[in-house]
Amino acid sequence: MSSAFRSASHRKLFPVTLAVTAAGIVVILLRPQTAHGLFSSQFMPHVYCYLFNRNLILLHTLSDALIWLSYVSISLTLIYLVYRTRREIPFSWLFVAFGIFIIACGFTHLMEVVVLWHPLYWLAGAVKALTAVASVVTAIALSF
């Protein structure tokens, strides 16, 4: 298979995959019971599990916050590089896929900071599910 054909098919496949994924997520989130469940607080926040140990809380907060900031920075840099050199970089769609995957991973770390004080475990699970979708889409796209 020629590289021109593979590149053209990826350009068509990736947006379709993202659109289908986004549509599925929107349908799930628009259900009233899903939205209510995502923001329910029937559980206890993680600070109780950490026994309010200030050093342990600080360790997790700083680590997850720095990971999130780094992931966002990496993703924004990849998107900027693709934007600036979109005609020169072969497989620029792959950089975008990795950018989406990396930023999704970053948001799982951000949710870890949130659930320390706010027990939004369903929302954290939904963010992890989005990260799983981004991971699978990127892995499949990479194999083509």
N, C-alpha and C. Protein backbone atom coordinates (compact mmCIF):
# COMPACT_ATOMS: atom_id res chain seq x y z
N MET A 1 0.85 -1.17 0.00
CA MET A 1 0.00 0.00 0.00
C MET A 1 0.90 1.23 0.00
N SER A 2 0.58 2.17 -0.85
CA SER A 2 1.43 3.36 -0.96
C SER A 2 1.23 4.27 0.25
N SER A 3 2.28 5.03 0.56
CA SER A 3 2.20 5.92 1.72
C SER A 3 1.20 7.04 1.48
N ALA A 4 1.04 7.46 0.23
CA ALA A 4 0.07 8.52 -0.07
C ALA A 4 -1.35 8.04 0.22
N PHE A 5 -1.64 6.77 -0.13
CA PHE A 5 -2.95 6.21 0.13
C PHE A 5 -3.18 6.09 1.63
N ARG A 6 -2.18 5.57 2.35
CA ARG A 6 -2.31 5.41 3.80
C ARG A 6 -2.51 6.74 4.48
N SER A 7 -1.78 7.76 4.07
CA SER A 7 -1.91 9.08 4.68
C SER A 7 -3.30 9.67 4.41
N ALA A 8 -3.79 9.49 3.20
CA ALA A 8 -5.11 10.01 2.85
C ALA A 8 -6.20 9.27 3.62
N SER A 9 -6.06 7.96 3.79
CA SER A 9 -7.07 7.21 4.52
C SER A 9 -7.07 7.58 5.99
N HIS A 10 -5.90 7.88 6.55
CA HIS A 10 -5.83 8.31 7.94
C HIS A 10 -6.51 9.65 8.14
N ARG A 11 -6.31 10.54 7.19
CA ARG A 11 -6.94 11.85 7.31
C ARG A 11 -8.45 11.74 7.32
N LYS A 12 -8.99 10.74 6.65
CA LYS A 12 -10.43 10.53 6.64
C LYS A 12 -10.89 9.76 7.87
N LEU A 13 -10.11 8.79 8.31
CA LEU A 13 -10.49 7.92 9.41
C LEU A 13 -10.48 8.64 10.75
N PHE A 14 -9.47 9.43 11.01
CA PHE A 14 -9.31 10.04 12.32
C PHE A 14 -10.45 10.98 12.69
N PRO A 15 -10.85 11.93 11.82
CA PRO A 15 -11.97 12.81 12.19
C PRO A 15 -13.28 12.04 12.38
N VAL A 16 -13.50 11.01 11.57
CA VAL A 16 -14.72 10.21 11.71
C VAL A 16 -14.74 9.51 13.06
N THR A 17 -13.60 8.93 13.44
CA THR A 17 -13.50 8.26 14.72
C THR A 17 -13.75 9.22 15.86
N LEU A 18 -13.15 10.40 15.80
CA LEU A 18 -13.35 11.40 16.84
C LEU A 18 -14.81 11.86 16.89
N ALA A 19 -15.43 12.04 15.74
CA ALA A 19 -16.82 12.50 15.69
C ALA A 19 -17.76 11.46 16.31
N VAL A 20 -17.55 10.19 15.97
CA VAL A 20 -18.38 9.12 16.53
C VAL A 20 -18.19 9.04 18.04
N THR A 21 -16.95 9.13 18.49
CA THR A 21 -16.66 9.10 19.93
C THR A 21 -17.32 10.27 20.64
N ALA A 22 -17.18 11.46 20.08
CA ALA A 22 -17.77 12.66 20.69
C ALA A 22 -19.29 12.54 20.74
N ALA A 23 -19.90 12.03 19.67
CA ALA A 23 -21.35 11.87 19.65
C ALA A 23 -21.81 10.91 20.74
N GLY A 24 -21.09 9.81 20.91
CA GLY A 24 -21.43 8.85 21.96
C GLY A 24 -21.32 9.46 23.34
N ILE A 25 -20.29 10.24 23.56
CA ILE A 25 -20.10 10.89 24.85
C ILE A 25 -21.20 11.90 25.13
N VAL A 26 -21.56 12.67 24.11
CA VAL A 26 -22.62 13.67 24.28
C VAL A 26 -23.95 12.99 24.61
N VAL A 27 -24.26 11.89 23.93
CA VAL A 27 -25.51 11.18 24.20
C VAL A 27 -25.54 10.67 25.64
N ILE A 28 -24.44 10.11 26.09
CA ILE A 28 -24.37 9.60 27.48
C ILE A 28 -24.51 10.74 28.47
N LEU A 29 -23.81 11.84 28.22
CA LEU A 29 -23.84 12.95 29.18
C LEU A 29 -25.16 13.70 29.20
N LEU A 30 -25.93 13.63 28.11
CA LEU A 30 -27.19 14.37 28.07
C LEU A 30 -28.32 13.65 28.82
N ARG A 31 -28.11 12.40 29.14
CA ARG A 31 -29.13 11.69 29.92
C ARG A 31 -29.17 12.31 31.31
N PRO A 32 -30.33 12.70 31.79
CA PRO A 32 -30.41 13.40 33.09
C PRO A 32 -29.79 12.61 34.24
N GLN A 33 -30.04 11.31 34.32
CA GLN A 33 -29.50 10.53 35.42
C GLN A 33 -27.98 10.43 35.35
N THR A 34 -27.42 10.47 34.14
CA THR A 34 -25.97 10.44 33.99
C THR A 34 -25.37 11.73 34.51
N ALA A 35 -25.93 12.86 34.11
CA ALA A 35 -25.41 14.15 34.56
C ALA A 35 -25.50 14.27 36.08
N HIS A 36 -26.62 13.82 36.64
CA HIS A 36 -26.77 13.88 38.09
C HIS A 36 -25.74 12.97 38.76
N GLY A 37 -25.56 11.78 38.23
CA GLY A 37 -24.61 10.83 38.81
C GLY A 37 -23.17 11.30 38.74
N LEU A 38 -22.82 12.02 37.66
CA LEU A 38 -21.45 12.49 37.51
C LEU A 38 -21.06 13.45 38.62
N PHE A 39 -22.02 14.22 39.10
CA PHE A 39 -21.72 15.23 40.10
C PHE A 39 -22.28 14.90 41.48
N SER A 40 -22.65 13.61 41.69
CA SER A 40 -23.17 13.24 43.00
C SER A 40 -22.03 13.20 44.02
N SER A 41 -22.40 13.40 45.26
CA SER A 41 -21.38 13.40 46.30
C SER A 41 -21.77 12.45 47.43
N GLN A 42 -22.22 11.27 47.07
CA GLN A 42 -22.62 10.30 48.08
C GLN A 42 -21.43 9.57 48.68
N PHE A 43 -20.25 9.82 48.17
CA PHE A 43 -19.04 9.18 48.67
C PHE A 43 -18.22 10.19 49.48
N MET A 44 -17.18 9.68 50.11
CA MET A 44 -16.27 10.56 50.85
C MET A 44 -15.07 10.90 49.98
N PRO A 45 -14.52 12.11 50.13
CA PRO A 45 -13.32 12.47 49.36
C PRO A 45 -12.10 11.69 49.84
N HIS A 46 -11.07 11.67 49.01
CA HIS A 46 -9.86 10.91 49.33
C HIS A 46 -9.11 11.41 50.56
N VAL A 47 -9.30 12.65 50.94
CA VAL A 47 -8.57 13.13 52.12
C VAL A 47 -8.90 12.30 53.36
N TYR A 48 -10.09 11.70 53.40
CA TYR A 48 -10.42 10.82 54.51
C TYR A 48 -9.58 9.55 54.47
N CYS A 49 -9.36 9.02 53.27
CA CYS A 49 -8.51 7.83 53.13
C CYS A 49 -7.07 8.14 53.51
N TYR A 50 -6.66 9.35 53.25
CA TYR A 50 -5.29 9.78 53.59
C TYR A 50 -5.19 10.24 55.03
N LEU A 51 -6.29 10.10 55.78
CA LEU A 51 -6.35 10.49 57.20
C LEU A 51 -5.93 11.94 57.42
N PHE A 52 -6.22 12.77 56.44
CA PHE A 52 -5.90 14.20 56.47
C PHE A 52 -4.42 14.46 56.76
N ASN A 53 -3.57 13.51 56.35
CA ASN A 53 -2.13 13.68 56.52
C ASN A 53 -1.66 14.75 55.54
N ARG A 54 -1.26 15.88 56.08
CA ARG A 54 -0.92 17.06 55.26
C ARG A 54 0.19 16.75 54.25
N ASN A 55 1.22 16.04 54.65
CA ASN A 55 2.34 15.73 53.74
C ASN A 55 1.90 14.79 52.61
N LEU A 56 1.07 13.82 52.95
CA LEU A 56 0.60 12.89 51.92
C LEU A 56 -0.31 13.61 50.92
N ILE A 57 -1.17 14.47 51.43
CA ILE A 57 -2.05 15.25 50.56
C ILE A 57 -1.23 16.18 49.67
N LEU A 58 -0.25 16.83 50.24
CA LEU A 58 0.62 17.72 49.48
C LEU A 58 1.39 16.96 48.40
N LEU A 59 1.91 15.80 48.75
CA LEU A 59 2.63 14.96 47.78
C LEU A 59 1.75 14.63 46.57
N HIS A 60 0.55 14.15 46.83
CA HIS A 60 -0.35 13.77 45.74
C HIS A 60 -0.83 14.98 44.95
N THR A 61 -1.15 16.05 45.64
CA THR A 61 -1.64 17.25 44.96
C THR A 61 -0.57 17.83 44.04
N LEU A 62 0.62 18.03 44.58
CA LEU A 62 1.70 18.61 43.76
C LEU A 62 2.09 17.70 42.61
N SER A 63 2.22 16.41 42.88
CA SER A 63 2.61 15.47 41.82
C SER A 63 1.59 15.45 40.69
N ASP A 64 0.32 15.28 41.03
CA ASP A 64 -0.72 15.21 40.00
C ASP A 64 -0.88 16.55 39.28
N ALA A 65 -0.77 17.65 40.00
CA ALA A 65 -0.90 18.96 39.36
C ALA A 65 0.25 19.21 38.39
N LEU A 66 1.47 18.85 38.78
CA LEU A 66 2.61 19.03 37.88
C LEU A 66 2.53 18.12 36.66
N ILE A 67 2.06 16.89 36.86
CA ILE A 67 1.87 15.98 35.73
C ILE A 67 0.83 16.56 34.77
N TRP A 68 -0.28 17.06 35.31
CA TRP A 68 -1.32 17.65 34.48
C TRP A 68 -0.78 18.84 33.69
N LEU A 69 -0.09 19.73 34.36
CA LEU A 69 0.47 20.90 33.67
C LEU A 69 1.47 20.49 32.59
N SER A 70 2.29 19.49 32.88
CA SER A 70 3.25 19.01 31.88
C SER A 70 2.54 18.41 30.68
N TYR A 71 1.54 17.60 30.93
CA TYR A 71 0.81 16.97 29.82
C TYR A 71 0.12 18.02 28.95
N VAL A 72 -0.47 19.02 29.58
CA VAL A 72 -1.11 20.08 28.80
C VAL A 72 -0.07 20.83 27.98
N SER A 73 1.07 21.12 28.59
CA SER A 73 2.15 21.82 27.89
C SER A 73 2.66 21.01 26.70
N ILE A 74 2.86 19.71 26.90
CA ILE A 74 3.32 18.84 25.81
C ILE A 74 2.29 18.83 24.68
N SER A 75 1.02 18.70 25.03
CA SER A 75 -0.03 18.65 24.01
C SER A 75 -0.12 19.96 23.23
N LEU A 76 -0.06 21.07 23.93
CA LEU A 76 -0.12 22.36 23.25
C LEU A 76 1.09 22.55 22.33
N THR A 77 2.24 22.07 22.76
CA THR A 77 3.44 22.16 21.92
C THR A 77 3.29 21.31 20.66
N LEU A 78 2.76 20.10 20.81
CA LEU A 78 2.53 19.25 19.63
C LEU A 78 1.55 19.91 18.66
N ILE A 79 0.47 20.46 19.19
CA ILE A 79 -0.52 21.11 18.33
C ILE A 79 0.11 22.32 17.63
N TYR A 80 0.90 23.09 18.35
CA TYR A 80 1.58 24.24 17.75
C TYR A 80 2.54 23.80 16.64
N LEU A 81 3.31 22.73 16.90
CA LEU A 81 4.24 22.23 15.88
C LEU A 81 3.50 21.78 14.63
N VAL A 82 2.41 21.09 14.81
CA VAL A 82 1.62 20.65 13.65
C VAL A 82 1.07 21.85 12.90
N TYR A 83 0.58 22.84 13.64
CA TYR A 83 0.04 24.03 12.99
C TYR A 83 1.12 24.76 12.18
N ARG A 84 2.29 24.93 12.77
CA ARG A 84 3.37 25.67 12.10
C ARG A 84 3.98 24.92 10.92
N THR A 85 4.03 23.60 10.98
CA THR A 85 4.72 22.82 9.95
C THR A 85 3.81 21.77 9.32
N ARG A 86 2.52 22.07 9.24
CA ARG A 86 1.55 21.07 8.76
C ARG A 86 1.83 20.57 7.35
N ARG A 87 2.48 21.36 6.53
CA ARG A 87 2.77 20.93 5.16
C ARG A 87 4.07 20.14 5.07
N GLU A 88 4.96 20.32 6.02
CA GLU A 88 6.25 19.65 5.97
C GLU A 88 6.29 18.35 6.77
N ILE A 89 5.48 18.22 7.81
CA ILE A 89 5.51 17.02 8.65
C ILE A 89 4.63 15.95 8.04
N PRO A 90 5.22 14.79 7.72
CA PRO A 90 4.35 13.69 7.29
C PRO A 90 3.60 13.14 8.51
N PHE A 91 2.43 12.67 8.29
CA PHE A 91 1.61 12.08 9.36
C PHE A 91 1.31 13.09 10.48
N SER A 92 1.00 14.31 10.12
CA SER A 92 0.71 15.32 11.14
C SER A 92 -0.50 14.93 11.98
N TRP A 93 -1.42 14.15 11.42
CA TRP A 93 -2.58 13.68 12.16
C TRP A 93 -2.15 12.85 13.37
N LEU A 94 -1.00 12.16 13.25
CA LEU A 94 -0.52 11.34 14.35
C LEU A 94 -0.09 12.21 15.54
N PHE A 95 0.49 13.36 15.25
CA PHE A 95 0.86 14.29 16.31
C PHE A 95 -0.40 14.80 17.02
N VAL A 96 -1.44 15.05 16.26
CA VAL A 96 -2.70 15.50 16.85
C VAL A 96 -3.29 14.39 17.72
N ALA A 97 -3.25 13.15 17.22
CA ALA A 97 -3.77 12.02 18.00
C ALA A 97 -3.01 11.88 19.32
N PHE A 98 -1.70 11.98 19.27
CA PHE A 98 -0.91 11.90 20.50
C PHE A 98 -1.20 13.09 21.42
N GLY A 99 -1.41 14.26 20.84
CA GLY A 99 -1.75 15.43 21.65
C GLY A 99 -3.04 15.22 22.41
N ILE A 100 -4.07 14.69 21.72
CA ILE A 100 -5.36 14.42 22.36
C ILE A 100 -5.19 13.35 23.45
N PHE A 101 -4.45 12.31 23.13
CA PHE A 101 -4.20 11.23 24.09
C PHE A 101 -3.48 11.76 25.33
N ILE A 102 -2.45 12.56 25.13
CA ILE A 102 -1.66 13.07 26.25
C ILE A 102 -2.49 14.03 27.11
N ILE A 103 -3.27 14.88 26.49
CA ILE A 103 -4.08 15.82 27.29
C ILE A 103 -5.17 15.07 28.05
N ALA A 104 -5.70 14.01 27.47
CA ALA A 104 -6.69 13.19 28.19
C ALA A 104 -6.04 12.53 29.40
N CYS A 105 -4.83 12.03 29.23
CA CYS A 105 -4.10 11.46 30.37
C CYS A 105 -3.88 12.51 31.46
N GLY A 106 -3.57 13.72 31.04
CA GLY A 106 -3.37 14.80 31.99
C GLY A 106 -4.62 15.09 32.80
N PHE A 107 -5.78 15.03 32.15
CA PHE A 107 -7.01 15.32 32.87
C PHE A 107 -7.36 14.24 33.89
N THR A 108 -6.88 13.01 33.69
CA THR A 108 -7.09 12.00 34.74
C THR A 108 -6.31 12.41 35.99
N HIS A 109 -5.14 13.00 35.82
CA HIS A 109 -4.37 13.47 36.97
C HIS A 109 -5.03 14.68 37.62
N LEU A 110 -5.60 15.56 36.81
CA LEU A 110 -6.33 16.69 37.37
C LEU A 110 -7.51 16.21 38.22
N MET A 111 -8.21 15.19 37.74
CA MET A 111 -9.33 14.65 38.51
C MET A 111 -8.87 14.03 39.82
N GLU A 112 -7.65 13.50 39.86
CA GLU A 112 -7.12 12.97 41.11
C GLU A 112 -6.97 14.09 42.14
N VAL A 113 -6.61 15.27 41.68
CA VAL A 113 -6.52 16.41 42.60
C VAL A 113 -7.92 16.80 43.07
N VAL A 114 -8.88 16.80 42.16
CA VAL A 114 -10.24 17.19 42.51
C VAL A 114 -10.84 16.23 43.53
N VAL A 115 -10.68 14.92 43.32
CA VAL A 115 -11.33 13.95 44.21
C VAL A 115 -10.67 13.88 45.59
N LEU A 116 -9.56 14.56 45.77
CA LEU A 116 -9.02 14.65 47.13
C LEU A 116 -10.01 15.36 48.04
N TRP A 117 -10.67 16.41 47.54
CA TRP A 117 -11.58 17.21 48.36
C TRP A 117 -13.04 17.08 47.96
N HIS A 118 -13.31 16.70 46.74
CA HIS A 118 -14.69 16.60 46.24
C HIS A 118 -14.89 15.20 45.68
N PRO A 119 -15.80 14.42 46.24
CA PRO A 119 -15.96 13.02 45.83
C PRO A 119 -16.71 12.85 44.50
N LEU A 120 -16.14 13.34 43.43
CA LEU A 120 -16.76 13.25 42.10
C LEU A 120 -16.21 12.03 41.36
N TYR A 121 -16.39 10.87 41.95
CA TYR A 121 -15.79 9.65 41.41
C TYR A 121 -16.40 9.23 40.08
N TRP A 122 -17.67 9.49 39.88
CA TRP A 122 -18.28 9.17 38.59
C TRP A 122 -17.71 10.06 37.49
N LEU A 123 -17.50 11.33 37.79
CA LEU A 123 -16.88 12.23 36.82
C LEU A 123 -15.45 11.80 36.55
N ALA A 124 -14.71 11.43 37.58
CA ALA A 124 -13.34 10.94 37.40
C ALA A 124 -13.33 9.68 36.54
N GLY A 125 -14.31 8.81 36.75
CA GLY A 125 -14.42 7.61 35.92
C GLY A 125 -14.74 7.94 34.47
N ALA A 126 -15.59 8.95 34.25
CA ALA A 126 -15.92 9.37 32.88
C ALA A 126 -14.69 9.93 32.19
N VAL A 127 -13.88 10.70 32.92
CA VAL A 127 -12.64 11.24 32.35
C VAL A 127 -11.70 10.09 31.99
N LYS A 128 -11.63 9.08 32.84
CA LYS A 128 -10.79 7.90 32.54
C LYS A 128 -11.33 7.16 31.32
N ALA A 129 -12.66 7.09 31.18
CA ALA A 129 -13.25 6.44 30.01
C ALA A 129 -12.89 7.20 28.73
N LEU A 130 -12.93 8.53 28.79
CA LEU A 130 -12.52 9.34 27.63
C LEU A 130 -11.04 9.10 27.31
N THR A 131 -10.23 8.98 28.34
CA THR A 131 -8.81 8.70 28.14
C THR A 131 -8.64 7.32 27.50
N ALA A 132 -9.44 6.37 27.92
CA ALA A 132 -9.38 5.03 27.32
C ALA A 132 -9.73 5.08 25.84
N VAL A 133 -10.76 5.85 25.49
CA VAL A 133 -11.14 6.00 24.08
C VAL A 133 -10.01 6.65 23.29
N ALA A 134 -9.44 7.73 23.84
CA ALA A 134 -8.33 8.40 23.16
C ALA A 134 -7.15 7.46 23.00
N SER A 135 -6.90 6.64 24.00
CA SER A 135 -5.79 5.68 23.93
C SER A 135 -6.01 4.64 22.84
N VAL A 136 -7.22 4.09 22.80
CA VAL A 136 -7.52 3.06 21.81
C VAL A 136 -7.48 3.64 20.40
N VAL A 137 -8.09 4.81 20.20
CA VAL A 137 -8.08 5.44 18.88
C VAL A 137 -6.66 5.72 18.43
N THR A 138 -5.82 6.23 19.32
CA THR A 138 -4.42 6.52 18.98
C THR A 138 -3.67 5.24 18.66
N ALA A 139 -3.88 4.20 19.45
CA ALA A 139 -3.20 2.92 19.21
C ALA A 139 -3.61 2.32 17.86
N ILE A 140 -4.90 2.39 17.54
CA ILE A 140 -5.36 1.86 16.26
C ILE A 140 -4.81 2.69 15.10
N ALA A 141 -4.87 4.02 15.24
CA ALA A 141 -4.37 4.89 14.19
C ALA A 141 -2.87 4.69 13.97
N LEU A 142 -2.15 4.44 15.04
CA LEU A 142 -0.70 4.25 14.94
C LEU A 142 -0.37 2.96 14.20
N SER A 143 -1.21 1.95 14.33
CA SER A 143 -0.93 0.66 13.70
C SER A 143 -1.18 0.66 12.19
N PHE A 144 -1.92 1.64 11.68
CA PHE A 144 -2.20 1.68 10.24
C PHE A 144 -1.04 2.21 9.47
